[in-house]
């Protein structure tokens, strides 16, 4: 039984489960990141 328990596979994917992120918050973070990227690009070109 102990050998069987040690060899048993866990159901599902390995690693961390993705947290359920609010889609609007994720979209806003992406927009903010894009704004910051454009600002850095503008400074670099200047």
ModelCIF file with pLDDT and N, C-alpha, C, O atoms, coordinates in Angstrom:
data_MODEL
#
_entry.id   MODEL 
#
_entity.id                         1 
_entity.type                       polymer 
_entity.pdbx_number_of_molecules   1 
#
_entity_poly.entity_id                      1 
_entity_poly.type                           'polypeptide(L)' 
_entity_poly.nstd_linkage                   no 
_entity_poly.nstd_monomer                   no 
_entity_poly.pdbx_seq_one_letter_code       
;(UNK)(UNK)(UNK)(UNK)(UNK)(UNK)(UNK)(UNK)(UNK)(UNK)(UNK)(UNK)(UNK)(UNK)(UNK)(UNK)
(UNK)(UNK)(UNK)(UNK)(UNK)(UNK)(UNK)(UNK)(UNK)(UNK)(UNK)(UNK)(UNK)(UNK)(UNK)(UNK)
(UNK)(UNK)(UNK)(UNK)(UNK)(UNK)(UNK)(UNK)(UNK)(UNK)(UNK)(UNK)(UNK)(UNK)
;
_entity_poly.pdbx_seq_one_letter_code_can   XXXXXXXXXXXXXXXXXXXXXXXXXXXXXXXXXXXXXXXXXXXXXX 
_entity_poly.pdbx_strand_id                 A 
#
loop_
_entity_poly_seq.entity_id 
_entity_poly_seq.num 
_entity_poly_seq.mon_id 
_entity_poly_seq.hetero 
1 1  UNK n 
1 2  UNK n 
1 3  UNK n 
1 4  UNK n 
1 5  UNK n 
1 6  UNK n 
1 7  UNK n 
1 8  UNK n 
1 9  UNK n 
1 10 UNK n 
1 11 UNK n 
1 12 UNK n 
1 13 UNK n 
1 14 UNK n 
1 15 UNK n 
1 16 UNK n 
1 17 UNK n 
1 18 UNK n 
1 19 UNK n 
1 20 UNK n 
1 21 UNK n 
1 22 UNK n 
1 23 UNK n 
1 24 UNK n 
1 25 UNK n 
1 26 UNK n 
1 27 UNK n 
1 28 UNK n 
1 29 UNK n 
1 30 UNK n 
1 31 UNK n 
1 32 UNK n 
1 33 UNK n 
1 34 UNK n 
1 35 UNK n 
1 36 UNK n 
1 37 UNK n 
1 38 UNK n 
1 39 UNK n 
1 40 UNK n 
1 41 UNK n 
1 42 UNK n 
1 43 UNK n 
1 44 UNK n 
1 45 UNK n 
1 46 UNK n 
#
_struct_asym.id          A 
_struct_asym.entity_id   1 
#
loop_
_ma_qa_metric.id 
_ma_qa_metric.mode 
_ma_qa_metric.name 
_ma_qa_metric.software_group_id 
_ma_qa_metric.type 
1 global pLDDT . pLDDT 
2 local  pLDDT . pLDDT 
#
_ma_qa_metric_global.metric_id      1 
_ma_qa_metric_global.metric_value   79.11 
_ma_qa_metric_global.model_id       1 
_ma_qa_metric_global.ordinal_id     1 
#
loop_
_ma_qa_metric_local.label_asym_id 
_ma_qa_metric_local.label_comp_id 
_ma_qa_metric_local.label_seq_id 
_ma_qa_metric_local.metric_id 
_ma_qa_metric_local.metric_value 
_ma_qa_metric_local.model_id 
_ma_qa_metric_local.ordinal_id 
A UNK 1  2 51.00 1 1  
A UNK 2  2 51.00 1 2  
A UNK 3  2 50.00 1 3  
A UNK 4  2 50.00 1 4  
A UNK 5  2 51.00 1 5  
A UNK 6  2 53.00 1 6  
A UNK 7  2 56.00 1 7  
A UNK 8  2 57.00 1 8  
A UNK 9  2 58.00 1 9  
A UNK 10 2 60.00 1 10 
A UNK 11 2 62.00 1 11 
A UNK 12 2 64.00 1 12 
A UNK 13 2 67.00 1 13 
A UNK 14 2 75.00 1 14 
A UNK 15 2 70.00 1 15 
A UNK 16 2 66.00 1 16 
A UNK 17 2 63.00 1 17 
A UNK 18 2 61.00 1 18 
A UNK 19 2 63.00 1 19 
A UNK 20 2 66.00 1 20 
A UNK 21 2 69.00 1 21 
A UNK 22 2 85.00 1 22 
A UNK 23 2 88.00 1 23 
A UNK 24 2 88.00 1 24 
A UNK 25 2 89.00 1 25 
A UNK 26 2 90.00 1 26 
A UNK 27 2 92.00 1 27 
A UNK 28 2 93.00 1 28 
A UNK 29 2 93.00 1 29 
A UNK 30 2 95.00 1 30 
A UNK 31 2 96.00 1 31 
A UNK 32 2 97.00 1 32 
A UNK 33 2 97.00 1 33 
A UNK 34 2 97.00 1 34 
A UNK 35 2 98.00 1 35 
A UNK 36 2 98.00 1 36 
A UNK 37 2 98.00 1 37 
A UNK 38 2 98.00 1 38 
A UNK 39 2 98.00 1 39 
A UNK 40 2 98.00 1 40 
A UNK 41 2 98.00 1 41 
A UNK 42 2 98.00 1 42 
A UNK 43 2 98.00 1 43 
A UNK 44 2 98.00 1 44 
A UNK 45 2 98.00 1 45 
A UNK 46 2 98.00 1 46 
#
loop_
_atom_site.group_PDB 
_atom_site.id 
_atom_site.type_symbol 
_atom_site.label_atom_id 
_atom_site.label_alt_id 
_atom_site.label_comp_id 
_atom_site.label_asym_id 
_atom_site.label_entity_id 
_atom_site.label_seq_id 
_atom_site.pdbx_PDB_ins_code 
_atom_site.Cartn_x 
_atom_site.Cartn_y 
_atom_site.Cartn_z 
_atom_site.occupancy 
_atom_site.B_iso_or_equiv 
_atom_site.pdbx_formal_charge 
_atom_site.auth_seq_id 
_atom_site.auth_comp_id 
_atom_site.auth_asym_id 
_atom_site.auth_atom_id 
_atom_site.pdbx_PDB_model_num 
ATOM 1   N N  . UNK A 1 1  ? 0.834   -1.203 0.000   1.00 51.00 ? 1  UNK A N  1 
ATOM 2   C CA . UNK A 1 1  ? 0.000   0.000  0.000   1.00 51.00 ? 1  UNK A CA 1 
ATOM 3   C C  . UNK A 1 1  ? 0.872   1.256  0.000   1.00 51.00 ? 1  UNK A C  1 
ATOM 4   O O  . UNK A 1 1  ? 0.573   2.230  -0.692  1.00 51.00 ? 1  UNK A O  1 
ATOM 5   N N  . UNK A 1 2  ? 1.955   1.223  0.786   1.00 51.00 ? 2  UNK A N  1 
ATOM 6   C CA . UNK A 1 2  ? 2.845   2.383  0.851   1.00 51.00 ? 2  UNK A CA 1 
ATOM 7   C C  . UNK A 1 2  ? 3.534   2.606  -0.490  1.00 51.00 ? 2  UNK A C  1 
ATOM 8   O O  . UNK A 1 2  ? 3.688   3.747  -0.926  1.00 51.00 ? 2  UNK A O  1 
ATOM 9   N N  . UNK A 1 3  ? 3.946   1.533  -1.142  1.00 50.00 ? 3  UNK A N  1 
ATOM 10  C CA . UNK A 1 3  ? 4.554   1.657  -2.448  1.00 50.00 ? 3  UNK A CA 1 
ATOM 11  C C  . UNK A 1 3  ? 3.554   2.190  -3.455  1.00 50.00 ? 3  UNK A C  1 
ATOM 12  O O  . UNK A 1 3  ? 3.891   3.014  -4.305  1.00 50.00 ? 3  UNK A O  1 
ATOM 13  N N  . UNK A 1 4  ? 2.356   1.728  -3.356  1.00 50.00 ? 4  UNK A N  1 
ATOM 14  C CA . UNK A 1 4  ? 1.316   2.165  -4.278  1.00 50.00 ? 4  UNK A CA 1 
ATOM 15  C C  . UNK A 1 4  ? 1.004   3.645  -4.060  1.00 50.00 ? 4  UNK A C  1 
ATOM 16  O O  . UNK A 1 4  ? 0.783   4.390  -5.014  1.00 50.00 ? 4  UNK A O  1 
ATOM 17  N N  . UNK A 1 5  ? 0.990   4.054  -2.811  1.00 51.00 ? 5  UNK A N  1 
ATOM 18  C CA . UNK A 1 5  ? 0.702   5.446  -2.501  1.00 51.00 ? 5  UNK A CA 1 
ATOM 19  C C  . UNK A 1 5  ? 1.834   6.339  -3.013  1.00 51.00 ? 5  UNK A C  1 
ATOM 20  O O  . UNK A 1 5  ? 1.559   7.408  -3.558  1.00 51.00 ? 5  UNK A O  1 
ATOM 21  N N  . UNK A 1 6  ? 3.076   5.941  -2.857  1.00 53.00 ? 6  UNK A N  1 
ATOM 22  C CA . UNK A 1 6  ? 4.218   6.724  -3.306  1.00 53.00 ? 6  UNK A CA 1 
ATOM 23  C C  . UNK A 1 6  ? 4.257   6.872  -4.806  1.00 53.00 ? 6  UNK A C  1 
ATOM 24  O O  . UNK A 1 6  ? 4.723   7.895  -5.306  1.00 53.00 ? 6  UNK A O  1 
ATOM 25  N N  . UNK A 1 7  ? 3.781   5.881  -5.544  1.00 56.00 ? 7  UNK A N  1 
ATOM 26  C CA . UNK A 1 7  ? 3.810   5.899  -6.992  1.00 56.00 ? 7  UNK A CA 1 
ATOM 27  C C  . UNK A 1 7  ? 2.569   6.519  -7.612  1.00 56.00 ? 7  UNK A C  1 
ATOM 28  O O  . UNK A 1 7  ? 2.537   6.773  -8.816  1.00 56.00 ? 7  UNK A O  1 
ATOM 29  N N  . UNK A 1 8  ? 1.572   6.758  -6.820  1.00 57.00 ? 8  UNK A N  1 
ATOM 30  C CA . UNK A 1 8  ? 0.311   7.258  -7.355  1.00 57.00 ? 8  UNK A CA 1 
ATOM 31  C C  . UNK A 1 8  ? 0.500   8.668  -7.896  1.00 57.00 ? 8  UNK A C  1 
ATOM 32  O O  . UNK A 1 8  ? 1.164   9.494  -7.270  1.00 57.00 ? 8  UNK A O  1 
ATOM 33  N N  . UNK A 1 9  ? -0.081  8.943  -9.055  1.00 58.00 ? 9  UNK A N  1 
ATOM 34  C CA . UNK A 1 9  ? 0.002   10.261 -9.683  1.00 58.00 ? 9  UNK A CA 1 
ATOM 35  C C  . UNK A 1 9  ? -1.120  11.136 -9.151  1.00 58.00 ? 9  UNK A C  1 
ATOM 36  O O  . UNK A 1 9  ? -2.227  10.682 -8.864  1.00 58.00 ? 9  UNK A O  1 
ATOM 37  N N  . UNK A 1 10 ? -0.777  12.418 -9.035  1.00 60.00 ? 10 UNK A N  1 
ATOM 38  C CA . UNK A 1 10 ? -1.779  13.370 -8.591  1.00 60.00 ? 10 UNK A CA 1 
ATOM 39  C C  . UNK A 1 10 ? -2.604  13.785 -9.791  1.00 60.00 ? 10 UNK A C  1 
ATOM 40  O O  . UNK A 1 10 ? -2.062  13.987 -10.878 1.00 60.00 ? 10 UNK A O  1 
ATOM 41  N N  . UNK A 1 11 ? -3.870  13.911 -9.616  1.00 62.00 ? 11 UNK A N  1 
ATOM 42  C CA . UNK A 1 11 ? -4.705  14.328 -10.745 1.00 62.00 ? 11 UNK A CA 1 
ATOM 43  C C  . UNK A 1 11 ? -4.480  15.800 -11.062 1.00 62.00 ? 11 UNK A C  1 
ATOM 44  O O  . UNK A 1 11 ? -4.197  16.596 -10.166 1.00 62.00 ? 11 UNK A O  1 
ATOM 45  N N  . UNK A 1 12 ? -4.604  16.161 -12.331 1.00 64.00 ? 12 UNK A N  1 
ATOM 46  C CA . UNK A 1 12 ? -4.491  17.561 -12.747 1.00 64.00 ? 12 UNK A CA 1 
ATOM 47  C C  . UNK A 1 12 ? -3.082  17.928 -13.156 1.00 64.00 ? 12 UNK A C  1 
ATOM 48  O O  . UNK A 1 12 ? -2.214  17.067 -13.298 1.00 64.00 ? 12 UNK A O  1 
ATOM 49  N N  . UNK A 1 13 ? -2.865  19.237 -13.346 1.00 67.00 ? 13 UNK A N  1 
ATOM 50  C CA . UNK A 1 13 ? -1.579  19.754 -13.812 1.00 67.00 ? 13 UNK A CA 1 
ATOM 51  C C  . UNK A 1 13 ? -0.612  19.926 -12.658 1.00 67.00 ? 13 UNK A C  1 
ATOM 52  O O  . UNK A 1 13 ? -1.004  20.033 -11.496 1.00 67.00 ? 13 UNK A O  1 
ATOM 53  N N  . UNK A 1 14 ? 0.667   19.949 -13.014 1.00 75.00 ? 14 UNK A N  1 
ATOM 54  C CA . UNK A 1 14 ? 1.697   20.154 -12.011 1.00 75.00 ? 14 UNK A CA 1 
ATOM 55  C C  . UNK A 1 14 ? 1.877   21.649 -11.774 1.00 75.00 ? 14 UNK A C  1 
ATOM 56  O O  . UNK A 1 14 ? 1.527   22.461 -12.631 1.00 75.00 ? 14 UNK A O  1 
ATOM 57  N N  . UNK A 1 15 ? 2.420   22.017 -10.621 1.00 70.00 ? 15 UNK A N  1 
ATOM 58  C CA . UNK A 1 15 ? 2.738   23.412 -10.356 1.00 70.00 ? 15 UNK A CA 1 
ATOM 59  C C  . UNK A 1 15 ? 1.570   24.183 -9.780  1.00 70.00 ? 15 UNK A C  1 
ATOM 60  O O  . UNK A 1 15 ? 0.571   23.623 -9.330  1.00 70.00 ? 15 UNK A O  1 
ATOM 61  N N  . UNK A 1 16 ? 1.743   25.494 -9.814  1.00 66.00 ? 16 UNK A N  1 
ATOM 62  C CA . UNK A 1 16 ? 0.741   26.382 -9.246  1.00 66.00 ? 16 UNK A CA 1 
ATOM 63  C C  . UNK A 1 16 ? -0.493  26.455 -10.123 1.00 66.00 ? 16 UNK A C  1 
ATOM 64  O O  . UNK A 1 16 ? -0.399  26.465 -11.351 1.00 66.00 ? 16 UNK A O  1 
ATOM 65  N N  . UNK A 1 17 ? -1.614  26.505 -9.500  1.00 63.00 ? 17 UNK A N  1 
ATOM 66  C CA . UNK A 1 17 ? -2.842  26.686 -10.260 1.00 63.00 ? 17 UNK A CA 1 
ATOM 67  C C  . UNK A 1 17 ? -2.991  28.167 -10.569 1.00 63.00 ? 17 UNK A C  1 
ATOM 68  O O  . UNK A 1 17 ? -2.726  29.006 -9.708  1.00 63.00 ? 17 UNK A O  1 
ATOM 69  N N  . UNK A 1 18 ? -3.402  28.493 -11.763 1.00 61.00 ? 18 UNK A N  1 
ATOM 70  C CA . UNK A 1 18 ? -3.586  29.903 -12.089 1.00 61.00 ? 18 UNK A CA 1 
ATOM 71  C C  . UNK A 1 18 ? -4.694  30.518 -11.251 1.00 61.00 ? 18 UNK A C  1 
ATOM 72  O O  . UNK A 1 18 ? -5.795  29.979 -11.138 1.00 61.00 ? 18 UNK A O  1 
ATOM 73  N N  . UNK A 1 19 ? -4.369  31.655 -10.673 1.00 63.00 ? 19 UNK A N  1 
ATOM 74  C CA . UNK A 1 19 ? -5.366  32.355 -9.866  1.00 63.00 ? 19 UNK A CA 1 
ATOM 75  C C  . UNK A 1 19 ? -6.400  32.957 -10.799 1.00 63.00 ? 19 UNK A C  1 
ATOM 76  O O  . UNK A 1 19 ? -6.091  33.363 -11.919 1.00 63.00 ? 19 UNK A O  1 
ATOM 77  N N  . UNK A 1 20 ? -7.595  33.006 -10.329 1.00 66.00 ? 20 UNK A N  1 
ATOM 78  C CA . UNK A 1 20 ? -8.654  33.593 -11.143 1.00 66.00 ? 20 UNK A CA 1 
ATOM 79  C C  . UNK A 1 20 ? -8.543  35.108 -11.022 1.00 66.00 ? 20 UNK A C  1 
ATOM 80  O O  . UNK A 1 20 ? -8.947  35.696 -10.019 1.00 66.00 ? 20 UNK A O  1 
ATOM 81  N N  . UNK A 1 21 ? -7.987  35.731 -12.062 1.00 69.00 ? 21 UNK A N  1 
ATOM 82  C CA . UNK A 1 21 ? -7.757  37.168 -12.075 1.00 69.00 ? 21 UNK A CA 1 
ATOM 83  C C  . UNK A 1 21 ? -8.927  37.827 -12.784 1.00 69.00 ? 21 UNK A C  1 
ATOM 84  O O  . UNK A 1 21 ? -9.415  37.353 -13.810 1.00 69.00 ? 21 UNK A O  1 
ATOM 85  N N  . UNK A 1 22 ? -9.347  38.912 -12.212 1.00 85.00 ? 22 UNK A N  1 
ATOM 86  C CA . UNK A 1 22 ? -10.423 39.670 -12.827 1.00 85.00 ? 22 UNK A CA 1 
ATOM 87  C C  . UNK A 1 22 ? -9.940  40.140 -14.199 1.00 85.00 ? 22 UNK A C  1 
ATOM 88  O O  . UNK A 1 22 ? -8.873  40.744 -14.308 1.00 85.00 ? 22 UNK A O  1 
ATOM 89  N N  . UNK A 1 23 ? -10.703 39.870 -15.222 1.00 88.00 ? 23 UNK A N  1 
ATOM 90  C CA . UNK A 1 23 ? -10.314 40.179 -16.590 1.00 88.00 ? 23 UNK A CA 1 
ATOM 91  C C  . UNK A 1 23 ? -10.111 41.680 -16.788 1.00 88.00 ? 23 UNK A C  1 
ATOM 92  O O  . UNK A 1 23 ? -9.206  42.084 -17.517 1.00 88.00 ? 23 UNK A O  1 
ATOM 93  N N  . UNK A 1 24 ? -10.927 42.502 -16.160 1.00 88.00 ? 24 UNK A N  1 
ATOM 94  C CA . UNK A 1 24 ? -10.788 43.948 -16.300 1.00 88.00 ? 24 UNK A CA 1 
ATOM 95  C C  . UNK A 1 24 ? -9.486  44.437 -15.660 1.00 88.00 ? 24 UNK A C  1 
ATOM 96  O O  . UNK A 1 24 ? -8.805  45.304 -16.207 1.00 88.00 ? 24 UNK A O  1 
ATOM 97  N N  . UNK A 1 25 ? -9.151  43.881 -14.515 1.00 89.00 ? 25 UNK A N  1 
ATOM 98  C CA . UNK A 1 25 ? -7.907  44.282 -13.836 1.00 89.00 ? 25 UNK A CA 1 
ATOM 99  C C  . UNK A 1 25 ? -6.699  43.880 -14.678 1.00 89.00 ? 25 UNK A C  1 
ATOM 100 O O  . UNK A 1 25 ? -5.731  44.632 -14.784 1.00 89.00 ? 25 UNK A O  1 
ATOM 101 N N  . UNK A 1 26 ? -6.761  42.707 -15.266 1.00 90.00 ? 26 UNK A N  1 
ATOM 102 C CA . UNK A 1 26 ? -5.661  42.239 -16.109 1.00 90.00 ? 26 UNK A CA 1 
ATOM 103 C C  . UNK A 1 26 ? -5.505  43.149 -17.333 1.00 90.00 ? 26 UNK A C  1 
ATOM 104 O O  . UNK A 1 26 ? -4.391  43.508 -17.713 1.00 90.00 ? 26 UNK A O  1 
ATOM 105 N N  . UNK A 1 27 ? -6.630  43.513 -17.939 1.00 92.00 ? 27 UNK A N  1 
ATOM 106 C CA . UNK A 1 27 ? -6.604  44.395 -19.096 1.00 92.00 ? 27 UNK A CA 1 
ATOM 107 C C  . UNK A 1 27 ? -6.053  45.768 -18.729 1.00 92.00 ? 27 UNK A C  1 
ATOM 108 O O  . UNK A 1 27 ? -5.289  46.351 -19.499 1.00 92.00 ? 27 UNK A O  1 
ATOM 109 N N  . UNK A 1 28 ? -6.429  46.293 -17.567 1.00 93.00 ? 28 UNK A N  1 
ATOM 110 C CA . UNK A 1 28 ? -5.930  47.597 -17.125 1.00 93.00 ? 28 UNK A CA 1 
ATOM 111 C C  . UNK A 1 28 ? -4.427  47.536 -16.853 1.00 93.00 ? 28 UNK A C  1 
ATOM 112 O O  . UNK A 1 28 ? -3.703  48.474 -17.188 1.00 93.00 ? 28 UNK A O  1 
ATOM 113 N N  . UNK A 1 29 ? -3.953  46.452 -16.254 1.00 93.00 ? 29 UNK A N  1 
ATOM 114 C CA . UNK A 1 29 ? -2.511  46.294 -16.028 1.00 93.00 ? 29 UNK A CA 1 
ATOM 115 C C  . UNK A 1 29 ? -1.753  46.269 -17.344 1.00 93.00 ? 29 UNK A C  1 
ATOM 116 O O  . UNK A 1 29 ? -0.674  46.849 -17.463 1.00 93.00 ? 29 UNK A O  1 
ATOM 117 N N  . UNK A 1 30 ? -2.324  45.597 -18.323 1.00 95.00 ? 30 UNK A N  1 
ATOM 118 C CA . UNK A 1 30 ? -1.694  45.533 -19.643 1.00 95.00 ? 30 UNK A CA 1 
ATOM 119 C C  . UNK A 1 30 ? -1.643  46.913 -20.283 1.00 95.00 ? 30 UNK A C  1 
ATOM 120 O O  . UNK A 1 30 ? -0.632  47.278 -20.883 1.00 95.00 ? 30 UNK A O  1 
ATOM 121 N N  . UNK A 1 31 ? -2.704  47.673 -20.164 1.00 96.00 ? 31 UNK A N  1 
ATOM 122 C CA . UNK A 1 31 ? -2.731  49.033 -20.713 1.00 96.00 ? 31 UNK A CA 1 
ATOM 123 C C  . UNK A 1 31 ? -1.700  49.927 -20.027 1.00 96.00 ? 31 UNK A C  1 
ATOM 124 O O  . UNK A 1 31 ? -1.000  50.701 -20.679 1.00 96.00 ? 31 UNK A O  1 
ATOM 125 N N  . UNK A 1 32 ? -1.620  49.806 -18.696 1.00 97.00 ? 32 UNK A N  1 
ATOM 126 C CA . UNK A 1 32 ? -0.656  50.610 -17.942 1.00 97.00 ? 32 UNK A CA 1 
ATOM 127 C C  . UNK A 1 32 ? 0.770   50.253 -18.353 1.00 97.00 ? 32 UNK A C  1 
ATOM 128 O O  . UNK A 1 32 ? 1.613   51.136 -18.509 1.00 97.00 ? 32 UNK A O  1 
ATOM 129 N N  . UNK A 1 33 ? 1.034   48.982 -18.525 1.00 97.00 ? 33 UNK A N  1 
ATOM 130 C CA . UNK A 1 33 ? 2.361   48.541 -18.955 1.00 97.00 ? 33 UNK A CA 1 
ATOM 131 C C  . UNK A 1 33 ? 2.689   49.092 -20.337 1.00 97.00 ? 33 UNK A C  1 
ATOM 132 O O  . UNK A 1 33 ? 3.822   49.506 -20.586 1.00 97.00 ? 33 UNK A O  1 
ATOM 133 N N  . UNK A 1 34 ? 1.712   49.099 -21.236 1.00 97.00 ? 34 UNK A N  1 
ATOM 134 C CA . UNK A 1 34 ? 1.925   49.638 -22.581 1.00 97.00 ? 34 UNK A CA 1 
ATOM 135 C C  . UNK A 1 34 ? 2.201   51.138 -22.524 1.00 97.00 ? 34 UNK A C  1 
ATOM 136 O O  . UNK A 1 34 ? 3.051   51.636 -23.261 1.00 97.00 ? 34 UNK A O  1 
ATOM 137 N N  . UNK A 1 35 ? 1.490   51.869 -21.653 1.00 98.00 ? 35 UNK A N  1 
ATOM 138 C CA . UNK A 1 35 ? 1.732   53.310 -21.498 1.00 98.00 ? 35 UNK A CA 1 
ATOM 139 C C  . UNK A 1 35 ? 3.156   53.569 -21.014 1.00 98.00 ? 35 UNK A C  1 
ATOM 140 O O  . UNK A 1 35 ? 3.845   54.452 -21.525 1.00 98.00 ? 35 UNK A O  1 
ATOM 141 N N  . UNK A 1 36 ? 3.589   52.783 -20.016 1.00 98.00 ? 36 UNK A N  1 
ATOM 142 C CA . UNK A 1 36 ? 4.942   52.944 -19.490 1.00 98.00 ? 36 UNK A CA 1 
ATOM 143 C C  . UNK A 1 36 ? 5.987   52.619 -20.556 1.00 98.00 ? 36 UNK A C  1 
ATOM 144 O O  . UNK A 1 36 ? 7.013   53.293 -20.647 1.00 98.00 ? 36 UNK A O  1 
ATOM 145 N N  . UNK A 1 37 ? 5.734   51.606 -21.348 1.00 98.00 ? 37 UNK A N  1 
ATOM 146 C CA . UNK A 1 37 ? 6.651   51.224 -22.419 1.00 98.00 ? 37 UNK A CA 1 
ATOM 147 C C  . UNK A 1 37 ? 6.763   52.344 -23.447 1.00 98.00 ? 37 UNK A C  1 
ATOM 148 O O  . UNK A 1 37 ? 7.865   52.670 -23.890 1.00 98.00 ? 37 UNK A O  1 
ATOM 149 N N  . UNK A 1 38 ? 5.634   52.936 -23.830 1.00 98.00 ? 38 UNK A N  1 
ATOM 150 C CA . UNK A 1 38 ? 5.666   54.036 -24.799 1.00 98.00 ? 38 UNK A CA 1 
ATOM 151 C C  . UNK A 1 38 ? 6.409   55.244 -24.230 1.00 98.00 ? 38 UNK A C  1 
ATOM 152 O O  . UNK A 1 38 ? 7.133   55.926 -24.954 1.00 98.00 ? 38 UNK A O  1 
ATOM 153 N N  . UNK A 1 39 ? 6.228   55.512 -22.925 1.00 98.00 ? 39 UNK A N  1 
ATOM 154 C CA . UNK A 1 39 ? 6.929   56.642 -22.298 1.00 98.00 ? 39 UNK A CA 1 
ATOM 155 C C  . UNK A 1 39 ? 8.435   56.398 -22.294 1.00 98.00 ? 39 UNK A C  1 
ATOM 156 O O  . UNK A 1 39 ? 9.210   57.313 -22.570 1.00 98.00 ? 39 UNK A O  1 
ATOM 157 N N  . UNK A 1 40 ? 8.859   55.168 -21.981 1.00 98.00 ? 40 UNK A N  1 
ATOM 158 C CA . UNK A 1 40 ? 10.285  54.847 -22.003 1.00 98.00 ? 40 UNK A CA 1 
ATOM 159 C C  . UNK A 1 40 ? 10.844  54.975 -23.410 1.00 98.00 ? 40 UNK A C  1 
ATOM 160 O O  . UNK A 1 40 ? 11.955  55.472 -23.600 1.00 98.00 ? 40 UNK A O  1 
ATOM 161 N N  . UNK A 1 41 ? 10.078  54.529 -24.391 1.00 98.00 ? 41 UNK A N  1 
ATOM 162 C CA . UNK A 1 41 ? 10.512  54.611 -25.791 1.00 98.00 ? 41 UNK A CA 1 
ATOM 163 C C  . UNK A 1 41 ? 10.666  56.071 -26.216 1.00 98.00 ? 41 UNK A C  1 
ATOM 164 O O  . UNK A 1 41 ? 11.621  56.422 -26.909 1.00 98.00 ? 41 UNK A O  1 
ATOM 165 N N  . UNK A 1 42 ? 9.731   56.915 -25.801 1.00 98.00 ? 42 UNK A N  1 
ATOM 166 C CA . UNK A 1 42 ? 9.786   58.335 -26.147 1.00 98.00 ? 42 UNK A CA 1 
ATOM 167 C C  . UNK A 1 42 ? 11.031  58.983 -25.541 1.00 98.00 ? 42 UNK A C  1 
ATOM 168 O O  . UNK A 1 42 ? 11.724  59.748 -26.212 1.00 98.00 ? 42 UNK A O  1 
ATOM 169 N N  . UNK A 1 43 ? 11.314  58.678 -24.273 1.00 98.00 ? 43 UNK A N  1 
ATOM 170 C CA . UNK A 1 43 ? 12.506  59.219 -23.629 1.00 98.00 ? 43 UNK A CA 1 
ATOM 171 C C  . UNK A 1 43 ? 13.777  58.742 -24.318 1.00 98.00 ? 43 UNK A C  1 
ATOM 172 O O  . UNK A 1 43 ? 14.724  59.510 -24.496 1.00 98.00 ? 43 UNK A O  1 
ATOM 173 N N  . UNK A 1 44 ? 13.792  57.473 -24.703 1.00 98.00 ? 44 UNK A N  1 
ATOM 174 C CA . UNK A 1 44 ? 14.972  56.921 -25.376 1.00 98.00 ? 44 UNK A CA 1 
ATOM 175 C C  . UNK A 1 44 ? 15.202  57.631 -26.702 1.00 98.00 ? 44 UNK A C  1 
ATOM 176 O O  . UNK A 1 44 ? 16.339  57.965 -27.035 1.00 98.00 ? 44 UNK A O  1 
ATOM 177 N N  . UNK A 1 45 ? 14.134  57.865 -27.464 1.00 98.00 ? 45 UNK A N  1 
ATOM 178 C CA . UNK A 1 45 ? 14.273  58.563 -28.749 1.00 98.00 ? 45 UNK A CA 1 
ATOM 179 C C  . UNK A 1 45 ? 14.699  60.010 -28.553 1.00 98.00 ? 45 UNK A C  1 
ATOM 180 O O  . UNK A 1 45 ? 15.495  60.523 -29.340 1.00 98.00 ? 45 UNK A O  1 
ATOM 181 N N  . UNK A 1 46 ? 14.186  60.688 -27.517 1.00 98.00 ? 46 UNK A N  1 
ATOM 182 C CA . UNK A 1 46 ? 14.606  62.058 -27.245 1.00 98.00 ? 46 UNK A CA 1 
ATOM 183 C C  . UNK A 1 46 ? 16.099  62.099 -26.931 1.00 98.00 ? 46 UNK A C  1 
ATOM 184 O O  . UNK A 1 46 ? 16.647  63.171 -26.673 1.00 98.00 ? 46 UNK A O  1 
#
